[in-house]
Protein backbone atom coordinates (compact mmCIF):
# COMPACT_ATOMS: atom_id res chain seq x y z
CA UNK A 1 91.69 80.29 93.24
CA UNK A 2 95.15 78.96 93.88
CA UNK A 3 95.98 76.74 91.31
CA UNK A 4 96.88 73.21 92.32
CA UNK A 5 100.68 71.06 90.82
CA UNK A 6 99.79 68.69 88.48
CA UNK A 7 101.07 65.02 87.97
CA UNK A 8 103.25 63.98 85.80
CA UNK A 9 101.73 61.38 84.72
CA UNK A 10 98.35 59.48 85.53
CA UNK A 11 100.30 56.49 85.85
CA UNK A 12 102.73 58.11 88.65
CA UNK A 13 102.03 56.73 92.32
CA UNK A 14 100.38 59.44 94.35
CA UNK A 15 102.97 59.33 97.13
CA UNK A 16 102.40 63.35 97.88
CA UNK A 17 98.45 62.84 97.41
CA UNK A 18 98.45 65.50 95.00
CA UNK A 19 96.21 62.98 92.39
CA UNK A 20 93.69 62.90 95.41
CA UNK A 21 93.94 66.62 95.84
CA UNK A 22 93.30 67.62 92.31
CA UNK A 23 90.63 65.14 91.91
CA UNK A 24 88.67 66.93 95.25
CA UNK A 25 89.42 70.09 93.49
CA UNK A 26 88.04 69.16 90.38
CA UNK A 27 84.41 67.87 92.09
CA UNK A 28 84.31 70.86 94.45
CA UNK A 29 84.77 73.70 91.25
CA UNK A 30 82.22 71.00 89.47
CA UNK A 31 79.47 72.61 91.83
CA UNK A 32 75.90 70.86 91.55
CA UNK A 33 76.83 69.67 88.00
CA UNK A 34 76.62 70.62 84.58
CA UNK A 35 72.67 70.49 84.26
CA UNK A 36 72.10 72.75 86.85
CA UNK A 37 74.87 75.08 85.81
CA UNK A 38 73.42 75.19 82.40
CA UNK A 39 69.75 76.30 83.47
CA UNK A 40 71.01 78.86 85.03
CA UNK A 41 73.00 80.28 82.58
CA UNK A 42 69.90 80.23 80.22
CA UNK A 43 68.01 82.04 82.32
CA UNK A 44 70.93 84.86 82.68
CA UNK A 45 71.22 84.40 86.54
CA UNK A 46 75.28 83.82 87.80
CA UNK A 47 76.18 80.98 89.68
CA UNK A 48 77.69 81.33 92.83
CA UNK A 49 81.34 81.58 91.56
CA UNK A 50 80.98 83.53 89.17
CA UNK A 51 79.38 85.84 91.19
CA UNK A 52 82.40 86.03 93.14
CA UNK A 53 84.48 86.21 89.77
CA UNK A 54 82.41 89.20 88.73
CA UNK A 55 82.25 91.29 91.94
CA UNK A 56 86.25 91.44 93.09
CA UNK A 57 89.37 92.23 91.63
CA UNK A 58 90.27 89.57 88.97
CA UNK A 59 92.81 87.39 90.79
CA UNK A 60 92.20 88.24 94.49
CA UNK A 61 89.54 85.87 95.43
CA UNK A 62 91.05 82.76 98.22
CA UNK A 63 88.80 80.29 98.88
CA UNK A 64 88.06 78.55 102.68
CA UNK A 65 86.67 75.06 102.94
CA UNK A 66 86.68 74.39 99.28
CA UNK A 67 87.17 70.47 100.06
CA UNK A 68 84.27 71.22 102.80
CA UNK A 69 80.94 68.42 102.26
CA UNK A 70 78.33 67.54 104.50
CA UNK A 71 79.52 66.06 107.51
CA UNK A 72 76.02 65.15 109.36
CA UNK A 73 74.71 62.78 106.71
CA UNK A 74 77.46 60.55 105.69
CA UNK A 75 75.47 59.48 102.40
CA UNK A 76 75.60 63.08 101.22
CA UNK A 77 79.04 63.06 101.34
CA UNK A 78 79.63 62.72 97.89
CA UNK A 79 76.37 65.08 97.13
CA UNK A 80 77.89 68.36 98.72
CA UNK A 81 80.63 70.02 97.11
CA UNK A 82 82.10 72.90 98.90
CA UNK A 83 78.83 72.04 101.25
CA UNK A 84 76.66 74.73 99.27
CA UNK A 85 78.26 77.93 100.19
CA UNK A 86 81.18 79.17 98.55
CA UNK A 87 83.53 81.68 101.39
CA UNK A 88 86.70 83.44 101.26
CA UNK A 89 88.49 86.66 100.91
CA UNK A 90 89.48 88.75 97.84
CA UNK A 91 89.78 92.59 97.18
CA UNK A 92 87.42 94.80 95.72
CA UNK A 93 88.97 98.17 94.22
CA UNK A 94 92.41 97.42 95.92
CA UNK A 95 90.91 96.58 99.39
CA UNK A 96 90.31 93.73 101.24
CA UNK A 97 86.74 91.73 101.63
CA UNK A 98 85.32 88.83 102.79
CA UNK A 99 82.72 87.14 100.66
CA UNK A 100 80.01 84.26 101.09
CA UNK A 101 78.47 83.21 97.97
CA UNK A 102 75.72 80.40 98.16
CA UNK A 103 75.56 77.84 95.75
CA UNK A 104 71.94 76.88 95.48
CA UNK A 105 72.69 74.31 92.99
CA UNK A 106 73.93 72.09 95.71
CA UNK A 107 70.74 71.26 98.26
CA UNK A 108 69.58 74.55 97.80
CA UNK A 109 72.75 76.23 99.50
CA UNK A 110 70.46 75.13 102.55
CA UNK A 111 72.29 75.75 106.07
CA UNK A 112 74.17 72.76 107.74
CA UNK A 113 76.96 72.21 110.33
CA UNK A 114 79.99 72.36 107.97
CA UNK A 115 78.81 75.25 105.70
CA UNK A 116 78.17 77.62 108.56
CA UNK A 117 81.44 76.85 110.31
CA UNK A 118 82.91 78.21 107.16
CA UNK A 119 80.91 81.20 107.32
CA UNK A 120 81.29 82.10 110.59
CA UNK A 121 84.91 81.54 110.35
CA UNK A 122 84.96 84.67 107.22
CA UNK A 123 83.12 86.45 109.56
CA UNK A 124 84.75 86.36 112.31
CA UNK A 125 88.13 87.18 110.64
CA UNK A 126 86.63 90.04 108.90
CA UNK A 127 85.32 91.44 111.88
CA UNK A 128 88.74 91.25 113.32
CA UNK A 129 91.08 92.21 110.69
CA UNK A 130 89.06 94.97 109.57
CA UNK A 131 87.60 94.64 106.43
CA UNK A 132 84.31 94.13 104.65
CA UNK A 133 81.65 91.62 105.10
CA UNK A 134 79.41 90.37 101.52
CA UNK A 135 76.82 87.97 101.41
CA UNK A 136 75.33 87.02 98.22
CA UNK A 137 72.28 85.64 99.64
CA UNK A 138 70.35 82.54 97.56
CA UNK A 139 69.46 79.74 100.15
CA UNK A 140 66.01 77.45 100.45
CA UNK A 141 66.83 78.15 104.92
CA UNK A 142 67.98 75.37 107.11
CA UNK A 143 69.01 71.69 105.50
CA UNK A 144 66.49 68.63 106.25
CA UNK A 145 66.95 66.52 107.53
CA UNK A 146 70.56 67.63 109.29
CA UNK A 147 68.52 70.11 111.61
CA UNK A 148 65.71 67.81 112.53
CA UNK A 149 65.63 66.27 116.35
CA UNK A 150 67.79 67.23 118.96
CA UNK A 151 71.46 65.82 117.56
CA UNK A 152 70.70 68.49 114.61
CA UNK A 153 69.33 71.14 116.73
CA UNK A 154 72.18 70.43 119.28
CA UNK A 155 74.80 70.29 116.10
CA UNK A 156 74.07 73.48 114.51
CA UNK A 157 72.16 75.73 116.16
CA UNK A 158 73.19 77.98 119.04
CA UNK A 159 77.21 77.08 118.79
CA UNK A 160 78.39 80.02 117.65
CA UNK A 161 77.21 82.92 120.60
CA UNK A 162 78.20 86.06 118.12
CA UNK A 163 76.60 84.36 115.36
CA UNK A 164 73.29 87.07 115.03
CA UNK A 165 75.35 90.03 116.74
CA UNK A 166 76.54 92.99 115.19
CA UNK A 167 78.66 96.09 116.96
CA UNK A 168 79.05 97.07 113.53
CA UNK A 169 83.17 96.98 113.25
CA UNK A 170 83.17 96.50 109.79
CA UNK A 171 80.45 97.33 107.02
CA UNK A 172 78.25 94.33 105.90
CA UNK A 173 76.36 94.45 102.71
CA UNK A 174 74.06 91.76 100.88
CA UNK A 175 72.26 90.77 97.95
CA UNK A 176 69.27 89.38 97.51
CA UNK A 177 69.49 87.27 94.17
CA UNK A 178 67.16 84.51 94.19
CA UNK A 179 65.04 82.61 97.05
CA UNK A 180 66.50 84.08 100.54
CA UNK A 181 65.12 82.20 103.13
CA UNK A 182 66.39 81.36 106.83
CA UNK A 183 69.89 82.65 107.62
CA UNK A 184 70.21 83.84 104.20
CA UNK A 185 67.65 86.49 105.18
CA UNK A 186 68.47 87.12 108.66
CA UNK A 187 72.19 88.36 106.91
CA UNK A 188 70.61 90.42 104.41
CA UNK A 189 68.67 92.12 107.24
CA UNK A 190 71.75 92.91 109.33
CA UNK A 191 73.48 93.95 107.07
CA UNK A 192 74.08 98.08 106.48
CA UNK A 193 73.22 97.79 102.75
CA UNK A 194 70.80 95.35 101.18
CA UNK A 195 70.12 95.36 97.06
CA UNK A 196 67.26 92.56 95.44
CA UNK A 197 67.29 91.92 92.50
CA UNK A 198 63.96 91.53 90.97
CA UNK A 199 62.23 88.44 90.95
CA UNK A 200 64.15 87.06 94.13
CA UNK A 201 62.09 86.76 97.53
CA UNK A 202 62.95 86.97 100.74
CA UNK A 203 61.22 85.74 104.02
CA UNK A 204 61.29 83.94 107.12
CA UNK A 205 60.19 80.36 105.50
CA UNK A 206 59.85 79.49 102.10
CA UNK A 207 55.86 79.91 100.54
CA UNK A 208 55.64 76.14 100.86
CA UNK A 209 55.99 76.24 104.55
CA UNK A 210 54.35 79.40 105.30
CA UNK A 211 51.34 77.91 103.16
CA UNK A 212 51.27 74.50 105.68
CA UNK A 213 51.36 76.72 108.44
CA UNK A 214 48.64 79.13 107.54
CA UNK A 215 46.45 76.69 105.50
CA UNK A 216 46.18 78.58 102.77
CA UNK A 217 48.03 79.17 99.29
CA UNK A 218 50.92 81.51 99.41
CA UNK A 219 52.40 83.70 96.66
CA UNK A 220 56.69 84.15 96.84
CA UNK A 221 56.04 87.78 95.67
CA UNK A 222 53.05 88.43 98.14
CA UNK A 223 54.95 86.79 100.72
CA UNK A 224 58.79 88.30 100.52
CA UNK A 225 58.95 89.92 96.80
CA UNK A 226 61.05 93.31 96.07
CA UNK A 227 58.00 95.74 95.77
CA UNK A 228 56.95 94.49 99.78
CA UNK A 229 60.40 95.06 100.81
CA UNK A 230 61.50 97.90 98.92
CA UNK A 231 57.97 99.91 99.48
CA UNK A 232 56.25 98.33 102.83
CA UNK A 233 59.26 97.29 104.69
CA UNK A 234 62.32 98.76 104.29
CA UNK A 235 64.17 96.31 104.47
CA UNK A 236 66.08 96.71 100.91
CA UNK A 237 67.91 99.60 99.76
CA UNK A 238 67.70 99.56 96.47
CA UNK A 239 66.08 97.24 93.66
CA UNK A 240 67.42 95.87 89.90
CA UNK A 241 66.87 94.00 87.25
CA UNK A 242 70.06 91.70 86.79
CA UNK A 243 72.76 90.11 89.13
CA UNK A 244 75.85 92.35 87.56
CA UNK A 245 73.48 95.54 88.57
CA UNK A 246 73.30 94.20 92.22
CA UNK A 247 76.84 93.49 92.61
CA UNK A 248 77.82 96.67 90.94
CA UNK A 249 75.57 98.36 93.27
CA UNK A 250 77.63 96.81 96.33
CA UNK A 251 80.59 98.12 95.18
CA UNK A 252 79.67 101.39 94.43
CA UNK A 253 78.37 101.26 98.18
CA UNK A 254 81.87 100.12 99.82
CA UNK A 255 83.29 103.19 97.98
CA UNK A 256 81.90 105.30 100.34
CA UNK A 257 82.69 103.87 103.51
CA UNK A 258 86.23 102.45 105.52
CA UNK A 259 87.07 99.06 105.89
CA UNK A 260 86.45 99.42 109.29
CA UNK A 261 85.05 101.76 112.31
CA UNK A 262 87.86 102.97 113.17
CA UNK A 263 89.00 104.45 110.13
CA UNK A 264 87.72 107.87 108.46
CA UNK A 265 85.87 106.92 104.57
CA UNK A 266 88.08 107.38 101.57
CA UNK A 267 88.86 110.45 99.74
CA UNK A 268 87.58 110.73 96.10
CA UNK A 269 88.68 113.17 93.20
CA UNK A 270 86.32 115.67 92.53
CA UNK A 271 85.00 115.27 89.25
CA UNK A 272 84.84 118.23 86.75
CA UNK A 273 81.79 120.26 86.73
CA UNK A 274 81.07 119.56 90.23
CA UNK A 275 78.91 122.67 91.65
CA UNK A 276 78.18 124.48 88.64
CA UNK A 277 74.75 123.30 89.35
CA UNK A 278 74.47 124.83 92.91
CA UNK A 279 74.03 127.73 91.42
CA UNK A 280 71.16 127.71 90.34
CA UNK A 281 69.67 126.51 93.54
CA UNK A 282 67.49 129.82 94.40
CA UNK A 283 66.11 128.50 90.91
CA UNK A 284 65.56 124.80 91.78
CA UNK A 285 63.61 125.89 95.29
CA UNK A 286 60.66 127.63 95.27
CA UNK A 287 60.27 130.74 97.76
CA UNK A 288 56.81 130.09 98.07
CA UNK A 289 56.68 127.18 100.98
CA UNK A 290 53.39 125.95 99.13
CA UNK A 291 54.93 125.03 96.11
CA UNK A 292 56.50 121.35 96.14
CA UNK A 293 59.86 120.83 93.87
CA UNK A 294 61.73 117.57 94.17
CA UNK A 295 64.74 118.01 96.92
CA UNK A 296 67.02 115.28 94.75
CA UNK A 297 67.59 117.95 92.43
CA UNK A 298 69.09 120.05 95.63
CA UNK A 299 70.92 116.96 96.53
CA UNK A 300 72.59 116.37 93.35
CA UNK A 301 73.37 120.00 92.66
CA UNK A 302 75.17 120.23 96.12
CA UNK A 303 77.49 117.18 95.85
CA UNK A 304 79.99 115.77 93.59
CA UNK A 305 79.21 115.08 90.62
CA UNK A 306 77.46 111.93 90.12
CA UNK A 307 78.17 111.26 93.84
CA UNK A 308 74.78 110.30 94.71
CA UNK A 309 73.88 107.21 96.11
CA UNK A 310 70.02 106.97 97.41
CA UNK A 311 69.06 104.56 99.84
CA UNK A 312 65.21 103.17 100.27
CA UNK A 313 63.75 105.93 97.40
CA UNK A 314 60.51 103.46 97.56
CA UNK A 315 59.96 103.84 101.34
CA UNK A 316 59.79 106.40 103.52
CA UNK A 317 59.35 108.66 100.11
CA UNK A 318 58.87 112.09 102.16
CA UNK A 319 62.50 112.17 102.85
CA UNK A 320 65.75 111.23 101.28
CA UNK A 321 68.72 109.50 102.78
CA UNK A 322 71.79 109.64 100.28
CA UNK A 323 75.71 108.79 100.22
CA UNK A 324 77.36 111.15 98.24
CA UNK A 325 80.36 112.78 98.38
CA UNK A 326 80.92 117.08 99.03
CA UNK A 327 84.72 117.92 97.89
CA UNK A 328 85.67 114.19 97.68
CA UNK A 329 84.59 113.50 101.43
CA UNK A 330 81.82 110.76 102.07
CA UNK A 331 79.02 112.40 103.36
CA UNK A 332 75.62 110.96 104.06
CA UNK A 333 72.67 113.49 103.51
CA UNK A 334 68.87 113.80 104.80
CA UNK A 335 66.82 115.67 102.81
CA UNK A 336 62.91 116.26 103.03
CA UNK A 337 61.17 116.21 99.78
CA UNK A 338 58.21 117.90 99.24
CA UNK A 339 57.21 115.90 96.35
CA UNK A 340 55.51 113.46 99.05
CA UNK A 341 53.25 114.51 101.83
CA UNK A 342 54.15 118.21 101.40
CA UNK A 343 57.65 116.91 103.13
CA UNK A 344 55.90 115.74 106.81
CA UNK A 345 57.58 112.61 107.96
CA UNK A 346 55.90 109.63 108.74
CA UNK A 347 56.65 106.63 110.22
CA UNK A 348 58.77 105.42 107.53
CA UNK A 349 60.47 107.83 107.01
CA UNK A 350 61.37 108.04 110.48
CA UNK A 351 62.40 104.74 110.84
CA UNK A 352 64.70 105.20 107.37
CA UNK A 353 66.18 108.02 108.58
CA UNK A 354 66.91 106.21 111.79
CA UNK A 355 68.48 103.71 110.13
CA UNK A 356 70.69 105.85 108.30
CA UNK A 357 71.87 108.37 110.86
CA UNK A 358 73.12 104.56 112.89
CA UNK A 359 74.91 103.56 110.03
CA UNK A 360 76.53 106.81 109.22
CA UNK A 361 77.82 107.28 113.13
CA UNK A 362 79.16 103.92 113.01
CA UNK A 363 81.15 104.02 110.26
CA UNK A 364 82.58 108.12 110.56
CA UNK A 365 80.38 109.55 107.59
CA UNK A 366 79.50 113.24 108.36
CA UNK A 367 75.51 113.76 108.48
CA UNK A 368 74.06 116.77 106.10
CA UNK A 369 70.50 118.08 106.93
CA UNK A 370 68.26 120.03 104.24
CA UNK A 371 65.34 121.30 106.31
CA UNK A 372 62.24 122.11 104.31
CA UNK A 373 59.11 119.89 106.65
CA UNK A 374 56.03 120.81 108.18
CA UNK A 375 56.50 118.80 110.72
CA UNK A 376 55.38 115.22 111.26
CA UNK A 377 52.54 113.68 110.05
CA UNK A 378 49.72 112.97 112.63
CA UNK A 379 46.43 111.37 112.91
CA UNK A 380 45.25 107.74 114.16
CA UNK A 381 46.79 105.91 111.30
CA UNK A 382 50.69 106.99 112.65
CA UNK A 383 49.36 106.35 116.32
CA UNK A 384 48.44 102.59 115.73
CA UNK A 385 51.90 102.68 113.94
CA UNK A 386 53.65 104.06 116.96
CA UNK A 387 54.66 107.29 115.97
CA UNK A 388 56.05 109.31 118.87
CA UNK A 389 58.21 105.82 119.68
CA UNK A 390 59.27 106.01 115.84
CA UNK A 391 60.02 110.09 116.71
CA UNK A 392 62.07 109.49 119.47
CA UNK A 393 64.18 106.99 118.35
CA UNK A 394 65.04 109.04 115.41
CA UNK A 395 65.44 111.90 118.08
CA UNK A 396 67.55 109.62 119.85
CA UNK A 397 69.68 108.78 117.39
CA UNK A 398 70.80 112.04 116.15
CA UNK A 399 71.61 112.92 119.56
CA UNK A 400 74.33 109.84 120.21
CA UNK A 401 75.75 110.87 116.90
CA UNK A 402 79.60 111.68 117.25
CA UNK A 403 80.00 112.48 113.66
CA UNK A 404 79.78 116.18 112.41
CA UNK A 405 76.14 117.31 111.31
CA UNK A 406 75.30 120.06 109.36
CA UNK A 407 71.95 121.70 109.10
CA UNK A 408 70.55 123.84 106.33
CA UNK A 409 67.05 125.31 106.67
CA UNK A 410 65.80 126.25 103.54
CA UNK A 411 62.20 127.18 104.09
CA UNK A 412 60.11 125.36 106.79
CA UNK A 413 60.71 123.98 109.79
CA UNK A 414 58.26 123.60 112.44
CA UNK A 415 57.35 122.06 115.49
CA UNK A 416 59.34 118.91 117.21
CA UNK A 417 60.65 118.70 113.84
CA UNK A 418 62.64 121.24 113.97
CA UNK A 419 64.88 119.70 116.28
CA UNK A 420 64.73 116.20 114.61
CA UNK A 421 66.22 117.95 111.20
CA UNK A 422 68.97 119.47 113.34
CA UNK A 423 67.56 122.52 115.06
CA UNK A 424 68.41 123.92 118.43
CA UNK A 425 71.54 123.12 118.61
CA UNK A 426 70.89 119.09 117.33
CA UNK A 427 73.93 120.23 114.84
CA UNK A 428 77.26 121.64 114.79
CA UNK A 429 76.16 123.98 112.77
CA UNK A 430 72.69 125.51 111.20
CA UNK A 431 72.89 127.69 108.53
CA UNK A 432 68.81 129.13 107.04
CA UNK A 433 68.53 130.56 103.39
CA UNK A 434 66.27 133.72 103.73
CA UNK A 435 63.30 131.90 102.86
CA UNK A 436 63.74 130.01 105.99
CA UNK A 437 60.78 129.96 107.98
CA UNK A 438 60.25 128.63 111.81
CA UNK A 439 57.68 128.42 114.54
CA UNK A 440 55.88 125.88 116.42
CA UNK A 441 53.12 124.93 113.47
CA UNK A 442 52.02 126.01 110.08
CA UNK A 443 50.68 130.04 110.82
CA UNK A 444 47.48 129.01 108.65
CA UNK A 445 46.74 126.23 111.56
CA UNK A 446 48.03 128.31 114.31
CA UNK A 447 45.30 130.81 113.91
CA UNK A 448 42.20 128.15 113.89
CA UNK A 449 43.82 126.60 116.83
CA UNK A 450 44.10 129.58 118.58
CA UNK A 451 40.32 130.83 117.61
CA UNK A 452 38.78 127.43 117.83
CA UNK A 453 35.06 127.76 119.38
CA UNK A 454 34.38 131.35 118.54
CA UNK A 455 33.40 133.12 115.32
CA UNK A 456 35.91 135.67 114.10
CA UNK A 457 36.27 138.17 111.01
CA UNK A 458 37.64 136.63 107.95
CA UNK A 459 39.96 140.15 108.30
CA UNK A 460 41.16 139.65 111.39
CA UNK A 461 41.93 135.93 110.65
CA UNK A 462 43.66 137.26 107.58
CA UNK A 463 45.67 139.69 110.22
CA UNK A 464 46.00 137.24 112.86
CA UNK A 465 48.02 134.68 110.20
CA UNK A 466 50.07 137.19 108.33
CA UNK A 467 51.47 138.45 111.66
CA UNK A 468 52.23 135.00 112.76
CA UNK A 469 53.94 134.05 109.33
CA UNK A 470 56.52 137.60 109.71
CA UNK A 471 57.17 136.28 113.11
CA UNK A 472 58.40 133.06 111.35
CA UNK A 473 60.95 134.56 108.81
CA UNK A 474 64.54 133.45 109.80
CA UNK A 475 65.90 136.73 110.94
CA UNK A 476 64.09 137.22 114.32
CA UNK A 477 66.45 133.60 115.10
CA UNK A 478 69.80 134.79 113.34
CA UNK A 479 69.72 137.82 115.38
CA UNK A 480 69.93 135.63 118.64
CA UNK A 481 72.14 133.09 117.49
CA UNK A 482 69.70 130.27 117.23
CA UNK A 483 71.45 129.89 113.42
CA UNK A 484 75.13 130.35 113.18
CA UNK A 485 74.70 131.67 109.98
CA UNK A 486 71.99 133.22 106.99
CA UNK A 487 73.22 132.09 103.70
CA UNK A 488 72.37 132.97 99.63
CA UNK A 489 71.51 129.73 98.56
CA UNK A 490 73.88 129.70 96.00
CA UNK A 491 76.75 129.37 98.32
CA UNK A 492 75.37 126.24 99.91
CA UNK A 493 77.39 123.82 98.60
CA UNK A 494 80.40 126.09 99.57
CA UNK A 495 79.38 126.86 102.88
CA UNK A 496 79.00 123.08 103.81
CA UNK A 497 82.25 122.84 102.33
CA UNK A 498 84.36 124.72 104.38
CA UNK A 499 81.99 123.85 107.55
CA UNK A 500 83.25 119.82 107.18
CA UNK A 501 87.04 121.37 107.14
CA UNK A 502 86.08 123.00 110.66
CA UNK A 503 84.53 120.33 111.72
CA UNK A 504 86.78 117.38 110.86
CA UNK A 505 87.34 114.83 113.97
CA UNK A 506 91.07 115.91 114.04
CA UNK A 507 91.99 114.65 117.71
CA UNK A 508 90.58 111.26 116.66
CA UNK A 509 91.61 110.61 113.25
CA UNK A 510 88.14 111.25 111.81
CA UNK A 511 86.69 108.32 114.19
CA UNK A 512 83.62 108.74 116.41
CA UNK A 513 82.35 107.25 119.52
CA UNK A 514 80.02 105.16 117.74
CA UNK A 515 77.34 104.98 120.46
CA UNK A 516 74.80 103.05 118.72
CA UNK A 517 77.07 100.41 117.18
CA UNK A 518 74.77 97.66 118.71
CA UNK A 519 71.42 99.17 117.43
CA UNK A 520 69.51 96.95 115.99
CA UNK A 521 69.64 97.01 112.04
CA UNK A 522 65.80 96.84 111.97
CA UNK A 523 62.66 97.40 114.91
């Protein structure tokens, strides 16, 4: 924070108001008081200002609204330093950011007229000037009694018609670092990247209010704990043990993205040793389509060394979505994972991939799809979860992407999933390994379908299956140019780097068309 000038003597007449300024600054920086800050420190939890200091480049932070206090309830003025939300501008790795850090020591960082004006100002400046917006969430929700009654509602809610609108002009990232209710939860859900510290809670309203509403006690973890949001809802991208780990992850996430949507992502130096494991891809992936493997090993082998940041690893486990680098260039990788349901994509996986596609296209990040899937999970449960709609959302997002899309069919690619994973010209280039198999469905099931309801000799059944499997091999597709290249698995990294160079968006300086900029972050 910018330092204030000291007066020459405490007895000197404060003709310029400098002494009063210093008093007010000191009070604001004291936050909720020594006792509350000490309790947090003893628990190993950073306070709102410590989070900013840890996150931003040293000496780069300048605050806005430091002297703000509650403006609705007069008697709260002396007990609401900075009105419970610390906001300002800084740099991260030399690039500008806007940051809002909730101060739970001041009325639980509850939302009121002054602090929401501060948040709105930082959001507006970040959007118009082109830099990321970061939220450190820890809030009890709307402040009572500020929001009670018609005047309270009229003063706070609805005065900014763009309050909850996102067109993805700049990246947003959020850390859930305690209780997050109300607007703190809203902004976390609207962000491109959300990380949650274990022990935190994110929900529409607090457990107390939820318990009153349903007439029974609600456990905070069940209401909105890290397991719920990382494994069931998919609202959280990563989970950490500490505040520091969460803030480090946000810094890392930002390193893959441009500052705004009208520039290409930054390039990084290629670490020594990158690509060495690519020579072993034919060993990592078994030729037999019925043998499983962890596709994360494939992703790590192809990407620059130590550059993979996986998003939502606990959600939609039949596919991996990750930011990574290839030859220093940011890429988004979508890879079917046979470790989960043999790689068959379920509703969770469709949601996860769709959101990832929207984020990559919005910020000009090329997409690489590594394909090995028998199709989509079918059955009653999927239909009840709106599987057809989720599959079409996925398909629509893929076709609306304007960034380069490259697909590599490693083994299986069956049915509609063939299209969703970039086949049929839904990618700019489709390559295949010699082990690739493409068809409408798995041969063993196809035989059962065509022979349904009649007796058939086992030998005839085996012959039919063998014939179908022969028809599935990659050579027929290559001959009719349905795949553009058949490559040695060990050449995959080299091929992708070369094709990314071919498909660089030169005429727009690396900027896509952003057709999905207003696509909801959750649906």
